[in-house]
Structures are given as structure tokens and as C-alpha cells.
Amino acid sequence: MQLSEAIKLIQHKDILHTAPQTWADLGCGSGLFTQALANLLNNNSTIYAVDKTIGGFRKFSTPITIEFLQLDFIKDTIPLSDLNGVLMANSLHYVKDKILFINKLMHLLRKDGYLLLVEYDTDKSNPWVPYPLSFSSLNTLFKQIKHKEIIKLQEHPSVFGRANMYAALIKL
């Protein structure tokens, strides 16, 4: 996926703010979606890029502050709080107990915070997507969790051809 496609996939008016924000990108990998989010936020914003390894993260030029935290976002305590939002692009499908995990995320966010997800629109697992979450299953999951709204943003064809990727913004 190209950067322009990643930006288009996650772009929404509620993310485009004139005021500085603080976000975390959990399971940031190469940083493609970190960079996409950086293109949408105010220049004085901060993004905490979180991953188990720093090796795959590609540094990029941005006026946004990017802080890398090397930790396992599933197992480790995440030393952040008062976040405007959490981005999880192709990473929530590694979490087996999603309800427990999302409740953990709620403690990182402000009361009006967002969860921005990019996932495959399938419930069929494979070795690379062990605990998938289709958009339909996402809605079912969040019926069990206190939230205000789920907005499906965009879809993008998967290079693997199995299912489209979707982006969703959850107002918590």
C-alpha cells in the first residue's frame, strides 16, 4: 500500500484537528500508518509508535513528534495516558481476548477518545491473521463495550485477494 492510499483509508473529519493531539500507533510495524496519521494531525501533535521491534520502522520527515516505544502492546503495560486516540492498523487481529484488551485501551484514552482500526473484513483466520475481525464482528464486539459510535471510513483491496481491508473510527 502506498502512503496516499493509507491516508485516504483512515482520513475522517474527526481526526483533522487544528489543535495538537496525542495518539499511539500500537503495532506500528514499518510506520506506514504512523506516517499516514502524521499527515492528518496538527504539526504540534505527538504520535507514540509502539512495536516489539524497532528494526522495521522506517523513519520519515515530519513536523509531528514521533516517539518510538519498544514493547509488546498485548502483554506489556503501555506507559501512556490521556491520549486523543489509538491507531491499530493490522494489529488488533493478533489479540485473542479483544474485550479485555479494549478495556485496557480505555484507560489510555481521554473520555472522548477514538480507536482507529484498519483490519481485514473477514472472520476466517490464517497464520498471519490469527484472530480476525470483520466489520460485522467489530459491531458485535462493540455492542458489549461502552462506545458512542462506529464509523466505517473506507475499504481498500487486499494485495492477498482474500478480503478487503477496512478502516473504522470508534468513538469511545
N, C-alpha and C. Protein backbone atom coordinates (compact mmCIF):
# COMPACT_ATOMS: atom_id res chain seq x y z
N MET A 1 0.85 -1.18 0.00
CA MET A 1 0.00 0.00 0.00
C MET A 1 0.89 1.24 0.00
N GLN A 2 0.48 2.20 -0.76
CA GLN A 2 1.20 3.47 -0.83
C GLN A 2 0.71 4.41 0.28
N LEU A 3 1.54 5.38 0.64
CA LEU A 3 1.19 6.33 1.69
C LEU A 3 -0.12 7.05 1.36
N SER A 4 -0.29 7.48 0.12
CA SER A 4 -1.51 8.20 -0.25
C SER A 4 -2.75 7.33 -0.05
N GLU A 5 -2.64 6.04 -0.29
CA GLU A 5 -3.76 5.11 -0.07
C GLU A 5 -4.04 4.94 1.42
N ALA A 6 -2.99 4.87 2.22
CA ALA A 6 -3.16 4.74 3.67
C ALA A 6 -3.83 5.99 4.25
N ILE A 7 -3.43 7.16 3.78
CA ILE A 7 -4.04 8.41 4.23
C ILE A 7 -5.53 8.41 3.88
N LYS A 8 -5.84 8.07 2.65
CA LYS A 8 -7.24 8.05 2.20
C LYS A 8 -8.06 7.05 3.02
N LEU A 9 -7.47 5.93 3.37
CA LEU A 9 -8.18 4.89 4.10
C LEU A 9 -8.59 5.35 5.50
N ILE A 10 -7.74 6.12 6.18
CA ILE A 10 -8.03 6.49 7.58
C ILE A 10 -8.54 7.91 7.75
N GLN A 11 -8.60 8.68 6.70
CA GLN A 11 -8.97 10.10 6.81
C GLN A 11 -10.43 10.26 7.23
N HIS A 12 -10.66 11.15 8.20
CA HIS A 12 -12.01 11.47 8.66
C HIS A 12 -11.97 12.84 9.32
N LYS A 13 -13.06 13.58 9.21
CA LYS A 13 -13.11 14.95 9.75
C LYS A 13 -12.84 15.00 11.24
N ASP A 14 -13.18 13.96 11.99
CA ASP A 14 -12.95 13.97 13.43
C ASP A 14 -11.48 13.82 13.80
N ILE A 15 -10.65 13.40 12.86
CA ILE A 15 -9.21 13.28 13.11
C ILE A 15 -8.49 14.57 12.71
N LEU A 16 -9.05 15.27 11.75
CA LEU A 16 -8.44 16.51 11.25
C LEU A 16 -8.73 17.64 12.22
N HIS A 17 -7.81 17.91 13.12
CA HIS A 17 -8.00 18.95 14.13
C HIS A 17 -6.97 20.06 13.95
N THR A 18 -7.36 21.25 14.36
CA THR A 18 -6.41 22.36 14.34
C THR A 18 -5.57 22.38 15.61
N ALA A 19 -6.07 21.74 16.66
CA ALA A 19 -5.33 21.70 17.93
C ALA A 19 -4.39 20.49 17.94
N PRO A 20 -3.26 20.60 18.64
CA PRO A 20 -2.36 19.45 18.78
C PRO A 20 -3.05 18.28 19.48
N GLN A 21 -2.68 17.09 19.08
CA GLN A 21 -3.23 15.87 19.67
C GLN A 21 -2.10 14.91 20.01
N THR A 22 -2.46 13.92 20.83
CA THR A 22 -1.52 12.86 21.18
C THR A 22 -2.19 11.53 20.88
N TRP A 23 -1.51 10.73 20.06
CA TRP A 23 -2.02 9.43 19.63
C TRP A 23 -0.95 8.37 19.88
N ALA A 24 -1.39 7.12 19.90
CA ALA A 24 -0.48 5.98 19.91
C ALA A 24 -0.83 5.10 18.72
N ASP A 25 0.18 4.56 18.07
CA ASP A 25 0.00 3.59 16.99
C ASP A 25 0.53 2.26 17.51
N LEU A 26 -0.38 1.37 17.90
CA LEU A 26 0.01 0.09 18.50
C LEU A 26 0.24 -0.95 17.42
N GLY A 27 1.43 -1.53 17.43
CA GLY A 27 1.82 -2.48 16.39
C GLY A 27 2.14 -1.73 15.11
N CYS A 28 2.97 -0.71 15.23
CA CYS A 28 3.22 0.23 14.13
C CYS A 28 3.98 -0.37 12.95
N GLY A 29 4.69 -1.48 13.16
CA GLY A 29 5.40 -2.12 12.06
C GLY A 29 6.35 -1.17 11.35
N SER A 30 6.19 -1.06 10.03
CA SER A 30 7.08 -0.21 9.23
C SER A 30 6.81 1.28 9.43
N GLY A 31 5.66 1.61 10.00
CA GLY A 31 5.33 3.01 10.24
C GLY A 31 4.49 3.64 9.15
N LEU A 32 3.99 2.84 8.20
CA LEU A 32 3.18 3.39 7.11
C LEU A 32 1.97 4.15 7.65
N PHE A 33 1.23 3.53 8.56
CA PHE A 33 0.04 4.19 9.08
C PHE A 33 0.39 5.26 10.12
N THR A 34 1.54 5.14 10.76
CA THR A 34 2.02 6.23 11.62
C THR A 34 2.22 7.47 10.77
N GLN A 35 2.84 7.28 9.62
CA GLN A 35 3.08 8.39 8.70
C GLN A 35 1.77 8.93 8.13
N ALA A 36 0.84 8.05 7.82
CA ALA A 36 -0.47 8.49 7.31
C ALA A 36 -1.17 9.35 8.35
N LEU A 37 -1.18 8.89 9.60
CA LEU A 37 -1.80 9.66 10.68
C LEU A 37 -1.08 11.00 10.88
N ALA A 38 0.23 10.99 10.80
CA ALA A 38 1.01 12.23 10.95
C ALA A 38 0.62 13.26 9.91
N ASN A 39 0.23 12.80 8.73
CA ASN A 39 -0.21 13.72 7.68
C ASN A 39 -1.57 14.35 7.96
N LEU A 40 -2.31 13.78 8.91
CA LEU A 40 -3.66 14.27 9.20
C LEU A 40 -3.73 15.14 10.45
N LEU A 41 -2.73 15.06 11.31
CA LEU A 41 -2.76 15.77 12.59
C LEU A 41 -2.08 17.13 12.52
N ASN A 42 -2.39 17.98 13.48
CA ASN A 42 -1.74 19.27 13.66
C ASN A 42 -0.23 19.08 13.81
N ASN A 43 0.54 20.02 13.30
CA ASN A 43 2.01 19.90 13.33
C ASN A 43 2.61 19.80 14.72
N ASN A 44 1.92 20.24 15.75
CA ASN A 44 2.44 20.17 17.11
C ASN A 44 1.96 18.93 17.86
N SER A 45 1.46 17.97 17.13
CA SER A 45 0.95 16.73 17.73
C SER A 45 2.09 15.75 18.00
N THR A 46 1.76 14.70 18.76
CA THR A 46 2.71 13.64 19.08
C THR A 46 2.07 12.29 18.79
N ILE A 47 2.85 11.40 18.18
CA ILE A 47 2.42 10.02 17.98
C ILE A 47 3.45 9.12 18.63
N TYR A 48 2.98 8.22 19.50
CA TYR A 48 3.83 7.19 20.08
C TYR A 48 3.70 5.95 19.21
N ALA A 49 4.78 5.60 18.53
CA ALA A 49 4.81 4.42 17.67
C ALA A 49 5.28 3.24 18.52
N VAL A 50 4.42 2.24 18.69
CA VAL A 50 4.68 1.13 19.61
C VAL A 50 4.81 -0.17 18.82
N ASP A 51 5.91 -0.88 19.04
CA ASP A 51 6.09 -2.19 18.42
C ASP A 51 7.14 -2.98 19.21
N LYS A 52 7.12 -4.30 19.02
CA LYS A 52 8.09 -5.17 19.71
C LYS A 52 9.51 -4.93 19.23
N THR A 53 9.64 -4.60 17.95
CA THR A 53 10.98 -4.38 17.39
C THR A 53 11.02 -3.03 16.67
N ILE A 54 12.16 -2.40 16.76
CA ILE A 54 12.34 -1.11 16.10
C ILE A 54 12.87 -1.28 14.68
N GLY A 55 13.38 -2.46 14.37
CA GLY A 55 14.07 -2.70 13.10
C GLY A 55 13.26 -2.42 11.85
N GLY A 56 11.96 -2.69 11.87
CA GLY A 56 11.16 -2.50 10.67
C GLY A 56 10.63 -1.10 10.48
N PHE A 57 10.73 -0.27 11.52
CA PHE A 57 10.16 1.08 11.47
C PHE A 57 11.02 1.98 10.60
N ARG A 58 10.40 2.55 9.57
CA ARG A 58 11.12 3.45 8.66
C ARG A 58 10.92 4.89 9.12
N LYS A 59 12.01 5.54 9.47
CA LYS A 59 11.91 6.94 9.90
C LYS A 59 11.51 7.80 8.70
N PHE A 60 10.77 8.85 8.98
CA PHE A 60 10.32 9.76 7.93
C PHE A 60 10.33 11.18 8.47
N SER A 61 10.39 12.12 7.55
CA SER A 61 10.44 13.53 7.92
C SER A 61 9.03 14.04 8.17
N THR A 62 8.83 14.66 9.33
CA THR A 62 7.52 15.20 9.69
C THR A 62 7.69 16.25 10.78
N PRO A 63 6.83 17.26 10.79
CA PRO A 63 6.88 18.22 11.90
C PRO A 63 6.27 17.66 13.18
N ILE A 64 5.60 16.54 13.07
CA ILE A 64 4.98 15.87 14.23
C ILE A 64 6.09 15.19 15.05
N THR A 65 5.92 15.16 16.36
CA THR A 65 6.86 14.42 17.22
C THR A 65 6.48 12.94 17.18
N ILE A 66 7.44 12.10 16.80
CA ILE A 66 7.24 10.65 16.80
C ILE A 66 8.17 10.06 17.85
N GLU A 67 7.58 9.39 18.84
CA GLU A 67 8.36 8.72 19.89
C GLU A 67 8.16 7.22 19.73
N PHE A 68 9.24 6.47 19.58
CA PHE A 68 9.13 5.02 19.44
C PHE A 68 9.21 4.37 20.81
N LEU A 69 8.26 3.49 21.11
CA LEU A 69 8.28 2.70 22.34
C LEU A 69 8.39 1.23 21.96
N GLN A 70 9.49 0.61 22.38
CA GLN A 70 9.69 -0.80 22.06
C GLN A 70 9.08 -1.64 23.17
N LEU A 71 7.90 -2.20 22.89
CA LEU A 71 7.24 -3.09 23.84
C LEU A 71 6.18 -3.90 23.11
N ASP A 72 5.74 -4.96 23.76
CA ASP A 72 4.69 -5.82 23.24
C ASP A 72 3.36 -5.23 23.71
N PHE A 73 2.61 -4.62 22.81
CA PHE A 73 1.40 -3.92 23.22
C PHE A 73 0.33 -4.85 23.79
N ILE A 74 0.42 -6.14 23.51
CA ILE A 74 -0.56 -7.09 24.04
C ILE A 74 -0.20 -7.48 25.47
N LYS A 75 1.06 -7.78 25.73
CA LYS A 75 1.47 -8.31 27.03
C LYS A 75 1.96 -7.24 28.01
N ASP A 76 2.62 -6.21 27.50
CA ASP A 76 3.25 -5.22 28.37
C ASP A 76 2.27 -4.11 28.77
N THR A 77 2.57 -3.48 29.89
CA THR A 77 1.84 -2.28 30.29
C THR A 77 2.26 -1.15 29.37
N ILE A 78 1.30 -0.43 28.85
CA ILE A 78 1.59 0.69 27.96
C ILE A 78 1.65 1.95 28.82
N PRO A 79 2.83 2.58 28.92
CA PRO A 79 3.02 3.71 29.84
C PRO A 79 2.52 5.04 29.28
N LEU A 80 1.27 5.06 28.83
CA LEU A 80 0.69 6.26 28.24
C LEU A 80 -0.68 6.51 28.86
N SER A 81 -1.12 7.76 28.79
CA SER A 81 -2.46 8.10 29.25
C SER A 81 -2.90 9.39 28.58
N ASP A 82 -4.16 9.70 28.72
CA ASP A 82 -4.74 10.95 28.22
C ASP A 82 -4.55 11.12 26.71
N LEU A 83 -4.63 10.00 25.98
CA LEU A 83 -4.47 10.04 24.53
C LEU A 83 -5.77 10.49 23.86
N ASN A 84 -5.63 11.22 22.77
CA ASN A 84 -6.79 11.55 21.95
C ASN A 84 -7.27 10.34 21.16
N GLY A 85 -6.32 9.47 20.81
CA GLY A 85 -6.70 8.31 20.03
C GLY A 85 -5.63 7.25 20.00
N VAL A 86 -6.07 6.05 19.64
CA VAL A 86 -5.18 4.91 19.43
C VAL A 86 -5.45 4.38 18.03
N LEU A 87 -4.40 4.24 17.26
CA LEU A 87 -4.46 3.66 15.93
C LEU A 87 -3.96 2.23 16.02
N MET A 88 -4.71 1.31 15.44
CA MET A 88 -4.27 -0.09 15.35
C MET A 88 -4.53 -0.53 13.91
N ALA A 89 -3.49 -0.50 13.10
CA ALA A 89 -3.60 -0.87 11.69
C ALA A 89 -3.02 -2.27 11.51
N ASN A 90 -3.89 -3.22 11.24
CA ASN A 90 -3.50 -4.62 11.07
C ASN A 90 -2.78 -5.16 12.30
N SER A 91 -3.27 -4.79 13.47
CA SER A 91 -2.66 -5.31 14.70
C SER A 91 -3.67 -5.88 15.68
N LEU A 92 -4.91 -5.44 15.66
CA LEU A 92 -5.90 -5.99 16.59
C LEU A 92 -6.16 -7.47 16.30
N HIS A 93 -5.90 -7.91 15.08
CA HIS A 93 -6.12 -9.32 14.76
C HIS A 93 -5.08 -10.25 15.41
N TYR A 94 -4.13 -9.70 16.14
CA TYR A 94 -3.20 -10.52 16.94
C TYR A 94 -3.68 -10.68 18.38
N VAL A 95 -4.74 -9.99 18.74
CA VAL A 95 -5.26 -10.01 20.11
C VAL A 95 -6.37 -11.06 20.20
N LYS A 96 -6.17 -12.04 21.07
CA LYS A 96 -7.17 -13.10 21.23
C LYS A 96 -8.38 -12.61 22.03
N ASP A 97 -8.14 -12.05 23.22
CA ASP A 97 -9.23 -11.57 24.08
C ASP A 97 -9.43 -10.08 23.84
N LYS A 98 -10.24 -9.78 22.85
CA LYS A 98 -10.40 -8.39 22.42
C LYS A 98 -11.13 -7.53 23.46
N ILE A 99 -12.11 -8.10 24.16
CA ILE A 99 -12.83 -7.31 25.17
C ILE A 99 -11.89 -6.88 26.28
N LEU A 100 -11.10 -7.81 26.80
CA LEU A 100 -10.13 -7.48 27.85
C LEU A 100 -9.15 -6.42 27.34
N PHE A 101 -8.67 -6.60 26.13
CA PHE A 101 -7.69 -5.67 25.57
C PHE A 101 -8.28 -4.27 25.37
N ILE A 102 -9.48 -4.19 24.84
CA ILE A 102 -10.10 -2.88 24.59
C ILE A 102 -10.39 -2.17 25.91
N ASN A 103 -10.76 -2.93 26.93
CA ASN A 103 -10.92 -2.31 28.25
C ASN A 103 -9.59 -1.75 28.75
N LYS A 104 -8.49 -2.43 28.44
CA LYS A 104 -7.15 -1.92 28.78
C LYS A 104 -6.88 -0.62 28.02
N LEU A 105 -7.29 -0.57 26.76
CA LEU A 105 -7.09 0.64 25.96
C LEU A 105 -7.88 1.83 26.48
N MET A 106 -9.05 1.57 27.03
CA MET A 106 -9.91 2.65 27.53
C MET A 106 -9.18 3.47 28.59
N HIS A 107 -8.28 2.84 29.33
CA HIS A 107 -7.53 3.55 30.37
C HIS A 107 -6.45 4.46 29.79
N LEU A 108 -6.11 4.26 28.53
CA LEU A 108 -5.11 5.10 27.88
C LEU A 108 -5.71 6.36 27.29
N LEU A 109 -7.02 6.33 27.05
CA LEU A 109 -7.69 7.38 26.29
C LEU A 109 -8.38 8.41 27.17
N ARG A 110 -8.51 9.60 26.62
CA ARG A 110 -9.39 10.60 27.22
C ARG A 110 -10.82 10.09 27.13
N LYS A 111 -11.72 10.70 27.87
CA LYS A 111 -13.11 10.21 27.85
C LYS A 111 -13.77 10.38 26.48
N ASP A 112 -13.26 11.27 25.66
CA ASP A 112 -13.79 11.47 24.31
C ASP A 112 -12.83 10.93 23.25
N GLY A 113 -12.08 9.89 23.60
CA GLY A 113 -11.05 9.37 22.72
C GLY A 113 -11.59 8.50 21.59
N TYR A 114 -10.68 8.19 20.67
CA TYR A 114 -11.01 7.41 19.48
C TYR A 114 -10.12 6.17 19.39
N LEU A 115 -10.70 5.14 18.81
CA LEU A 115 -9.94 3.97 18.39
C LEU A 115 -10.08 3.93 16.87
N LEU A 116 -8.96 4.00 16.17
CA LEU A 116 -8.94 3.98 14.71
C LEU A 116 -8.35 2.64 14.28
N LEU A 117 -9.18 1.83 13.62
CA LEU A 117 -8.77 0.47 13.25
C LEU A 117 -8.64 0.31 11.75
N VAL A 118 -7.67 -0.49 11.34
CA VAL A 118 -7.59 -0.99 9.98
C VAL A 118 -7.47 -2.49 10.12
N GLU A 119 -8.41 -3.21 9.51
CA GLU A 119 -8.43 -4.67 9.62
C GLU A 119 -8.92 -5.28 8.31
N TYR A 120 -8.79 -6.59 8.21
CA TYR A 120 -9.33 -7.33 7.08
C TYR A 120 -10.78 -7.66 7.35
N ASP A 121 -11.63 -7.50 6.35
CA ASP A 121 -13.06 -7.74 6.52
C ASP A 121 -13.37 -9.22 6.34
N THR A 122 -12.87 -10.00 7.29
CA THR A 122 -13.07 -11.44 7.27
C THR A 122 -13.05 -11.97 8.70
N ASP A 123 -13.67 -13.11 8.87
CA ASP A 123 -13.60 -13.81 10.16
C ASP A 123 -12.86 -15.13 10.02
N LYS A 124 -12.28 -15.36 8.85
CA LYS A 124 -11.53 -16.60 8.60
C LYS A 124 -10.06 -16.37 8.93
N SER A 125 -9.56 -17.12 9.90
CA SER A 125 -8.17 -16.92 10.34
C SER A 125 -7.18 -17.59 9.39
N ASN A 126 -5.94 -17.15 9.50
CA ASN A 126 -4.82 -17.78 8.81
C ASN A 126 -3.58 -17.49 9.66
N PRO A 127 -2.43 -18.03 9.32
CA PRO A 127 -1.24 -17.82 10.17
C PRO A 127 -0.85 -16.35 10.37
N TRP A 128 -1.21 -15.48 9.45
CA TRP A 128 -0.83 -14.06 9.54
C TRP A 128 -1.92 -13.21 10.18
N VAL A 129 -3.12 -13.75 10.24
CA VAL A 129 -4.26 -13.06 10.85
C VAL A 129 -4.95 -14.07 11.77
N PRO A 130 -4.35 -14.31 12.95
CA PRO A 130 -4.84 -15.40 13.81
C PRO A 130 -6.22 -15.17 14.43
N TYR A 131 -6.59 -13.93 14.71
CA TYR A 131 -7.88 -13.63 15.36
C TYR A 131 -8.56 -12.49 14.58
N PRO A 132 -9.06 -12.79 13.38
CA PRO A 132 -9.59 -11.75 12.51
C PRO A 132 -10.85 -11.09 13.07
N LEU A 133 -11.17 -9.93 12.50
CA LEU A 133 -12.31 -9.15 12.98
C LEU A 133 -12.96 -8.44 11.79
N SER A 134 -13.96 -9.08 11.21
CA SER A 134 -14.70 -8.44 10.12
C SER A 134 -15.42 -7.21 10.66
N PHE A 135 -15.89 -6.37 9.76
CA PHE A 135 -16.62 -5.19 10.22
C PHE A 135 -17.89 -5.59 10.95
N SER A 136 -18.55 -6.63 10.48
CA SER A 136 -19.74 -7.13 11.17
C SER A 136 -19.41 -7.60 12.58
N SER A 137 -18.31 -8.34 12.73
CA SER A 137 -17.88 -8.80 14.05
C SER A 137 -17.44 -7.64 14.94
N LEU A 138 -16.86 -6.62 14.33
CA LEU A 138 -16.48 -5.42 15.08
C LEU A 138 -17.71 -4.79 15.73
N ASN A 139 -18.78 -4.68 14.97
CA ASN A 139 -20.03 -4.13 15.52
C ASN A 139 -20.56 -4.98 16.65
N THR A 140 -20.52 -6.29 16.49
CA THR A 140 -20.98 -7.20 17.54
C THR A 140 -20.11 -7.05 18.78
N LEU A 141 -18.80 -6.97 18.60
CA LEU A 141 -17.87 -6.81 19.72
C LEU A 141 -18.17 -5.54 20.50
N PHE A 142 -18.34 -4.44 19.80
CA PHE A 142 -18.52 -3.16 20.49
C PHE A 142 -19.91 -2.98 21.08
N LYS A 143 -20.85 -3.85 20.76
CA LYS A 143 -22.13 -3.84 21.47
C LYS A 143 -21.93 -4.26 22.92
N GLN A 144 -20.84 -5.01 23.18
CA GLN A 144 -20.53 -5.48 24.53
C GLN A 144 -19.69 -4.47 25.31
N ILE A 145 -19.23 -3.42 24.63
CA ILE A 145 -18.32 -2.44 25.22
C ILE A 145 -18.96 -1.07 25.09
N LYS A 146 -18.84 -0.28 26.13
CA LYS A 146 -19.42 1.08 26.10
C LYS A 146 -18.70 1.91 25.03
N HIS A 147 -19.46 2.36 24.05
CA HIS A 147 -18.92 3.22 23.00
C HIS A 147 -20.04 4.12 22.49
N LYS A 148 -19.67 5.16 21.78
CA LYS A 148 -20.67 6.10 21.28
C LYS A 148 -21.07 5.82 19.84
N GLU A 149 -20.08 5.47 19.01
CA GLU A 149 -20.38 5.33 17.58
C GLU A 149 -19.25 4.58 16.88
N ILE A 150 -19.64 3.81 15.86
CA ILE A 150 -18.67 3.16 14.97
C ILE A 150 -18.93 3.69 13.57
N ILE A 151 -17.88 4.21 12.95
CA ILE A 151 -18.00 4.75 11.60
C ILE A 151 -17.07 3.95 10.69
N LYS A 152 -17.63 3.33 9.67
CA LYS A 152 -16.79 2.67 8.67
C LYS A 152 -16.31 3.76 7.72
N LEU A 153 -14.99 3.92 7.62
CA LEU A 153 -14.43 5.01 6.84
C LEU A 153 -14.30 4.65 5.37
N GLN A 154 -13.43 3.71 5.06
CA GLN A 154 -13.14 3.34 3.68
C GLN A 154 -12.79 1.86 3.62
N GLU A 155 -12.75 1.34 2.40
CA GLU A 155 -12.25 -0.01 2.15
C GLU A 155 -11.13 0.09 1.13
N HIS A 156 -10.27 -0.92 1.15
CA HIS A 156 -9.16 -0.99 0.21
C HIS A 156 -8.93 -2.46 -0.12
N PRO A 157 -8.72 -2.78 -1.39
CA PRO A 157 -8.49 -4.19 -1.74
C PRO A 157 -7.21 -4.71 -1.09
N SER A 158 -7.27 -5.92 -0.61
CA SER A 158 -6.09 -6.56 -0.04
C SER A 158 -5.21 -7.08 -1.17
N VAL A 159 -3.91 -6.95 -1.00
CA VAL A 159 -2.99 -7.50 -2.00
C VAL A 159 -3.03 -9.02 -2.01
N PHE A 160 -3.55 -9.61 -0.93
CA PHE A 160 -3.64 -11.06 -0.85
C PHE A 160 -4.92 -11.58 -1.48
N GLY A 161 -5.86 -10.70 -1.82
CA GLY A 161 -7.06 -11.07 -2.54
C GLY A 161 -8.11 -11.82 -1.74
N ARG A 162 -7.90 -12.00 -0.46
CA ARG A 162 -8.85 -12.78 0.34
C ARG A 162 -10.05 -11.95 0.78
N ALA A 163 -9.80 -10.77 1.29
CA ALA A 163 -10.86 -9.89 1.79
C ALA A 163 -10.36 -8.46 1.73
N ASN A 164 -11.28 -7.54 1.56
CA ASN A 164 -10.89 -6.13 1.59
C ASN A 164 -10.41 -5.74 2.98
N MET A 165 -9.58 -4.73 3.01
CA MET A 165 -9.24 -4.08 4.28
C MET A 165 -10.27 -2.98 4.49
N TYR A 166 -10.58 -2.72 5.75
CA TYR A 166 -11.48 -1.61 6.06
C TYR A 166 -10.86 -0.78 7.17
N ALA A 167 -11.27 0.46 7.22
CA ALA A 167 -10.89 1.34 8.34
C ALA A 167 -12.17 1.73 9.05
N ALA A 168 -12.09 1.77 10.38
CA ALA A 168 -13.23 2.15 11.20
C ALA A 168 -12.76 3.08 12.31
N LEU A 169 -13.57 4.07 12.60
CA LEU A 169 -13.30 5.00 13.68
C LEU A 169 -14.35 4.76 14.75
N ILE A 170 -13.90 4.41 15.95
CA ILE A 170 -14.80 4.13 17.05
C ILE A 170 -14.67 5.25 18.06
N LYS A 171 -15.77 5.90 18.33
CA LYS A 171 -15.81 6.96 19.35
C LYS A 171 -16.11 6.29 20.67
N LEU A 172 -15.18 6.39 21.60
CA LEU A 172 -15.34 5.72 22.89
C LEU A 172 -15.82 6.67 23.97
